[in-house]
Amino acid sequence: IGGPYTVSKFGVEAFSDSIRINMAPFGVKVLCIEPGFFKTQMTSSEVVCNNVKMLWEKLPQEVRDDYGSEYLQKALLSDRFDKMGDADLMKVVHCMEHAVAAVRPRTRYSPGWDAKLFWLPLSYMPTCVSDYILTVLPTPAPPNRPVDMRNLG
């Protein structure tokens, strides 16, 4: 779920870490703000559902058959973004203010209770545990034929 988006966030984190280490000898401080889920257009259930439908329609029929129609229905019924999203975007703004104004800014900021109490602890768990926790959608049955990766998007 959210593959390209999460890949971009990991890239930003790695880039920030790299710049922080490389710029330290010059006295330049680099930090990373890693917020949890906030209610924005990106996390709107309507937008997420429309994107899922659009991507589903672009898949070849045989791939859709491998996943099964119940996979799409579960993905469209998910309202986890609406439930998890924090409406107070000022939490992120306060982190930005602190990062700019503090004498000793933190290396990492994690605004939002879900970031502090769910996502950060989850990142320290064994992969098998985090995968189990994050497995909300049904997994597709393994295809009984080779998968042509060029047709997946």
C-alpha atoms as a PDB file:
ATOM      1  CA  ILE A   1       0.000   0.000   0.000  1.00  0.00           C
ATOM      2  CA  GLY A   2       1.356   3.413  -0.888  1.00  0.00           C
ATOM      3  CA  GLY A   3       4.428   1.934  -2.560  1.00  0.00           C
ATOM      4  CA  PRO A   4       5.695   4.916  -4.577  1.00  0.00           C
ATOM      5  CA  TYR A   5       4.834   7.360  -1.794  1.00  0.00           C
ATOM      6  CA  THR A   6       6.633   5.359   0.890  1.00  0.00           C
ATOM      7  CA  VAL A   7       9.635   4.835  -1.389  1.00  0.00           C
ATOM      8  CA  SER A   8       9.901   8.610  -1.823  1.00  0.00           C
ATOM      9  CA  LYS A   9       9.742   9.126   1.966  1.00  0.00           C
ATOM     10  CA  PHE A  10      12.516   6.590   2.557  1.00  0.00           C
ATOM     11  CA  GLY A  11      14.527   8.384  -0.122  1.00  0.00           C
ATOM     12  CA  VAL A  12      14.059  11.746   1.607  1.00  0.00           C
ATOM     13  CA  GLU A  13      15.130  10.223   4.929  1.00  0.00           C
ATOM     14  CA  ALA A  14      18.256   8.633   3.430  1.00  0.00           C
ATOM     15  CA  PHE A  15      19.139  11.837   1.579  1.00  0.00           C
ATOM     16  CA  SER A  16      18.718  13.885   4.771  1.00  0.00           C
ATOM     17  CA  ASP A  17      20.951  11.460   6.692  1.00  0.00           C
ATOM     18  CA  SER A  18      23.590  11.647   3.986  1.00  0.00           C
ATOM     19  CA  ILE A  19      23.572  15.450   3.826  1.00  0.00           C
ATOM     20  CA  ARG A  20      23.615  15.707   7.648  1.00  0.00           C
ATOM     21  CA  ILE A  21      26.769  13.587   7.863  1.00  0.00           C
ATOM     22  CA  ASN A  22      28.482  15.278   4.916  1.00  0.00           C
ATOM     23  CA  MET A  23      27.675  18.815   6.046  1.00  0.00           C
ATOM     24  CA  ALA A  24      28.546  18.373   9.746  1.00  0.00           C
ATOM     25  CA  PRO A  25      32.239  19.336   9.216  1.00  0.00           C
ATOM     26  CA  PHE A  26      31.015  22.694   7.885  1.00  0.00           C
ATOM     27  CA  GLY A  27      28.768  23.380  10.898  1.00  0.00           C
ATOM     28  CA  VAL A  28      25.592  22.893   8.882  1.00  0.00           C
ATOM     29  CA  LYS A  29      22.788  21.083  10.748  1.00  0.00           C
ATOM     30  CA  VAL A  30      20.375  18.993   8.753  1.00  0.00           C
ATOM     31  CA  LEU A  31      17.248  17.507  10.294  1.00  0.00           C
ATOM     32  CA  CYS A  32      14.300  15.445   9.195  1.00  0.00           C
ATOM     33  CA  ILE A  33      10.633  15.974  10.044  1.00  0.00           C
ATOM     34  CA  GLU A  34       8.764  12.673   9.796  1.00  0.00           C
ATOM     35  CA  PRO A  35       5.086  13.296  10.573  1.00  0.00           C
ATOM     36  CA  GLY A  36       2.465  10.675  11.177  1.00  0.00           C
ATOM     37  CA  PHE A  37      -0.869  10.711   9.325  1.00  0.00           C
ATOM     38  CA  PHE A  38      -2.500  14.110   9.127  1.00  0.00           C
ATOM     39  CA  LYS A  39      -5.806  14.910   7.462  1.00  0.00           C
ATOM     40  CA  THR A  40      -4.774  16.259   4.087  1.00  0.00           C
ATOM     41  CA  GLN A  41      -5.795  15.662   0.493  1.00  0.00           C
ATOM     42  CA  MET A  42      -3.190  12.864   0.382  1.00  0.00           C
ATOM     43  CA  THR A  43      -5.002  10.900   3.106  1.00  0.00           C
ATOM     44  CA  SER A  44      -8.584  11.627   2.037  1.00  0.00           C
ATOM     45  CA  SER A  45     -10.522   8.344   1.715  1.00  0.00           C
ATOM     46  CA  GLU A  46     -12.202   9.677  -1.421  1.00  0.00           C
ATOM     47  CA  VAL A  47      -8.862  10.434  -3.099  1.00  0.00           C
ATOM     48  CA  VAL A  48      -7.341   7.124  -1.966  1.00  0.00           C
ATOM     49  CA  CYS A  49     -10.353   5.145  -3.251  1.00  0.00           C
ATOM     50  CA  ASN A  50     -10.328   6.957  -6.595  1.00  0.00           C
ATOM     51  CA  ASN A  51      -6.613   6.226  -6.991  1.00  0.00           C
ATOM     52  CA  VAL A  52      -7.090   2.554  -6.099  1.00  0.00           C
ATOM     53  CA  LYS A  53      -9.919   2.257  -8.654  1.00  0.00           C
ATOM     54  CA  MET A  54      -7.837   3.974 -11.335  1.00  0.00           C
ATOM     55  CA  LEU A  55      -4.851   1.672 -10.743  1.00  0.00           C
ATOM     56  CA  TRP A  56      -7.108  -1.404 -10.599  1.00  0.00           C
ATOM     57  CA  GLU A  57      -8.614  -0.563 -13.979  1.00  0.00           C
ATOM     58  CA  LYS A  58      -5.130  -0.258 -15.511  1.00  0.00           C
ATOM     59  CA  LEU A  59      -4.104  -3.752 -14.410  1.00  0.00           C
ATOM     60  CA  PRO A  60      -4.360  -6.581 -16.931  1.00  0.00           C
ATOM     61  CA  GLN A  61      -7.411  -8.784 -16.306  1.00  0.00           C
ATOM     62  CA  GLU A  62      -5.271 -11.796 -15.419  1.00  0.00           C
ATOM     63  CA  VAL A  63      -3.569  -9.826 -12.617  1.00  0.00           C
ATOM     64  CA  ARG A  64      -6.958  -8.669 -11.319  1.00  0.00           C
ATOM     65  CA  ASP A  65      -8.101 -12.296 -11.393  1.00  0.00           C
ATOM     66  CA  ASP A  66      -5.048 -13.311  -9.345  1.00  0.00           C
ATOM     67  CA  TYR A  67      -5.935 -10.767  -6.658  1.00  0.00           C
ATOM     68  CA  GLY A  68      -9.666 -11.417  -6.819  1.00  0.00           C
ATOM     69  CA  SER A  69     -12.508  -8.911  -6.614  1.00  0.00           C
ATOM     70  CA  GLU A  70     -12.635  -9.172  -2.812  1.00  0.00           C
ATOM     71  CA  TYR A  71      -9.172  -7.543  -2.677  1.00  0.00           C
ATOM     72  CA  LEU A  72     -10.516  -4.419  -4.396  1.00  0.00           C
ATOM     73  CA  GLN A  73     -13.639  -4.349  -2.225  1.00  0.00           C
ATOM     74  CA  LYS A  74     -11.581  -4.513   1.006  1.00  0.00           C
ATOM     75  CA  ALA A  75      -9.270  -1.769  -0.285  1.00  0.00           C
ATOM     76  CA  LEU A  76     -12.239   0.480  -1.100  1.00  0.00           C
ATOM     77  CA  LEU A  77     -13.970  -0.119   2.237  1.00  0.00           C
ATOM     78  CA  SER A  78     -10.933   0.898   4.223  1.00  0.00           C
ATOM     79  CA  ASP A  79     -11.483   4.059   6.210  1.00  0.00           C
ATOM     80  CA  ARG A  80      -8.266   3.757   8.207  1.00  0.00           C
ATOM     81  CA  PHE A  81      -6.927   7.042   6.823  1.00  0.00           C
ATOM     82  CA  ASP A  82      -9.952   8.963   8.087  1.00  0.00           C
ATOM     83  CA  LYS A  83      -9.645   7.357  11.521  1.00  0.00           C
ATOM     84  CA  MET A  84      -5.875   7.772  11.837  1.00  0.00           C
ATOM     85  CA  GLY A  85      -5.546  11.274  10.451  1.00  0.00           C
ATOM     86  CA  ASP A  86      -4.827  14.113  12.852  1.00  0.00           C
ATOM     87  CA  ALA A  87      -6.540  17.365  11.877  1.00  0.00           C
ATOM     88  CA  ASP A  88      -4.073  19.574  13.788  1.00  0.00           C
ATOM     89  CA  LEU A  89      -1.432  20.427  11.185  1.00  0.00           C
ATOM     90  CA  MET A  90       0.050  22.945  13.629  1.00  0.00           C
ATOM     91  CA  LYS A  91       1.920  20.029  15.220  1.00  0.00           C
ATOM     92  CA  VAL A  92       4.052  19.867  12.078  1.00  0.00           C
ATOM     93  CA  VAL A  93       4.412  23.659  11.951  1.00  0.00           C
ATOM     94  CA  HIS A  94       5.600  23.714  15.576  1.00  0.00           C
ATOM     95  CA  CYS A  95       8.304  21.181  14.729  1.00  0.00           C
ATOM     96  CA  MET A  96       9.405  23.361  11.824  1.00  0.00           C
ATOM     97  CA  GLU A  97       9.502  26.422  14.090  1.00  0.00           C
ATOM     98  CA  HIS A  98      11.546  24.579  16.694  1.00  0.00           C
ATOM     99  CA  ALA A  99      13.957  23.282  14.054  1.00  0.00           C
ATOM    100  CA  VAL A 100      14.628  26.816  12.806  1.00  0.00           C
ATOM    101  CA  ALA A 101      14.668  28.659  16.142  1.00  0.00           C
ATOM    102  CA  ALA A 102      16.214  26.190  18.605  1.00  0.00           C
ATOM    103  CA  VAL A 103      19.836  26.511  19.687  1.00  0.00           C
ATOM    104  CA  ARG A 104      20.083  22.716  19.571  1.00  0.00           C
ATOM    105  CA  PRO A 105      17.484  21.410  17.108  1.00  0.00           C
ATOM    106  CA  ARG A 106      16.739  17.710  17.107  1.00  0.00           C
ATOM    107  CA  THR A 107      18.007  15.491  14.324  1.00  0.00           C
ATOM    108  CA  ARG A 108      14.536  14.021  13.850  1.00  0.00           C
ATOM    109  CA  TYR A 109      11.050  15.275  14.612  1.00  0.00           C
ATOM    110  CA  SER A 110       8.004  12.995  14.683  1.00  0.00           C
ATOM    111  CA  PRO A 111       4.860  15.117  14.975  1.00  0.00           C
ATOM    112  CA  GLY A 112       1.629  13.269  15.676  1.00  0.00           C
ATOM    113  CA  TRP A 113       0.777  10.666  18.293  1.00  0.00           C
ATOM    114  CA  ASP A 114       0.665   7.886  15.709  1.00  0.00           C
ATOM    115  CA  ALA A 115       4.253   8.680  14.691  1.00  0.00           C
ATOM    116  CA  LYS A 116       5.459   8.513  18.294  1.00  0.00           C
ATOM    117  CA  LEU A 117       3.346   5.640  19.581  1.00  0.00           C
ATOM    118  CA  PHE A 118       2.845   3.485  16.477  1.00  0.00           C
ATOM    119  CA  TRP A 119       5.161   4.143  13.518  1.00  0.00           C
ATOM    120  CA  LEU A 120       8.414   4.666  15.436  1.00  0.00           C
ATOM    121  CA  PRO A 121       7.978   1.604  17.674  1.00  0.00           C
ATOM    122  CA  LEU A 122       6.858  -0.394  14.638  1.00  0.00           C
ATOM    123  CA  SER A 123      10.102   0.503  12.851  1.00  0.00           C
ATOM    124  CA  TYR A 124      12.111  -1.202  15.635  1.00  0.00           C
ATOM    125  CA  MET A 125      10.106  -4.425  15.587  1.00  0.00           C
ATOM    126  CA  PRO A 126      11.209  -7.536  13.722  1.00  0.00           C
ATOM    127  CA  THR A 127       9.987  -7.484  10.141  1.00  0.00           C
ATOM    128  CA  CYS A 128       7.724 -10.485  10.680  1.00  0.00           C
ATOM    129  CA  VAL A 129       5.904  -8.608  13.474  1.00  0.00           C
ATOM    130  CA  SER A 130       5.536  -5.330  11.558  1.00  0.00           C
ATOM    131  CA  ASP A 131       4.388  -7.193   8.439  1.00  0.00           C
ATOM    132  CA  TYR A 132       1.756  -9.006  10.492  1.00  0.00           C
ATOM    133  CA  ILE A 133       0.522  -5.760  12.039  1.00  0.00           C
ATOM    134  CA  LEU A 134       0.382  -3.951   8.692  1.00  0.00           C
ATOM    135  CA  THR A 135      -1.330  -6.767   6.839  1.00  0.00           C
ATOM    136  CA  VAL A 136      -4.836  -5.377   6.634  1.00  0.00           C
ATOM    137  CA  LEU A 137      -5.687  -6.236   3.063  1.00  0.00           C
ATOM    138  CA  PRO A 138      -5.935  -9.848   1.930  1.00  0.00           C
ATOM    139  CA  THR A 139      -2.892 -11.156   0.138  1.00  0.00           C
ATOM    140  CA  PRO A 140      -3.419 -12.446  -3.374  1.00  0.00           C
ATOM    141  CA  ALA A 141      -3.073 -16.132  -4.029  1.00  0.00           C
ATOM    142  CA  PRO A 142       0.247 -16.922  -5.690  1.00  0.00           C
ATOM    143  CA  PRO A 143      -0.254 -16.985  -9.450  1.00  0.00           C
ATOM    144  CA  ASN A 144      -0.127 -20.383 -11.089  1.00  0.00           C
ATOM    145  CA  ARG A 145       1.885 -18.939 -13.958  1.00  0.00           C
ATOM    146  CA  PRO A 146       4.958 -16.724 -14.268  1.00  0.00           C
ATOM    147  CA  VAL A 147       4.258 -13.056 -13.624  1.00  0.00           C
ATOM    148  CA  ASP A 148       5.360 -10.582 -16.295  1.00  0.00           C
ATOM    149  CA  MET A 149       6.513  -7.594 -14.207  1.00  0.00           C
ATOM    150  CA  ARG A 150       6.338  -5.292 -17.246  1.00  0.00           C
ATOM    151  CA  ASN A 151       2.519  -5.446 -17.096  1.00  0.00           C
ATOM    152  CA  LEU A 152       2.208  -4.260 -13.512  1.00  0.00           C
ATOM    153  CA  GLY A 153       2.286  -0.576 -14.090  1.00  0.00           C
END
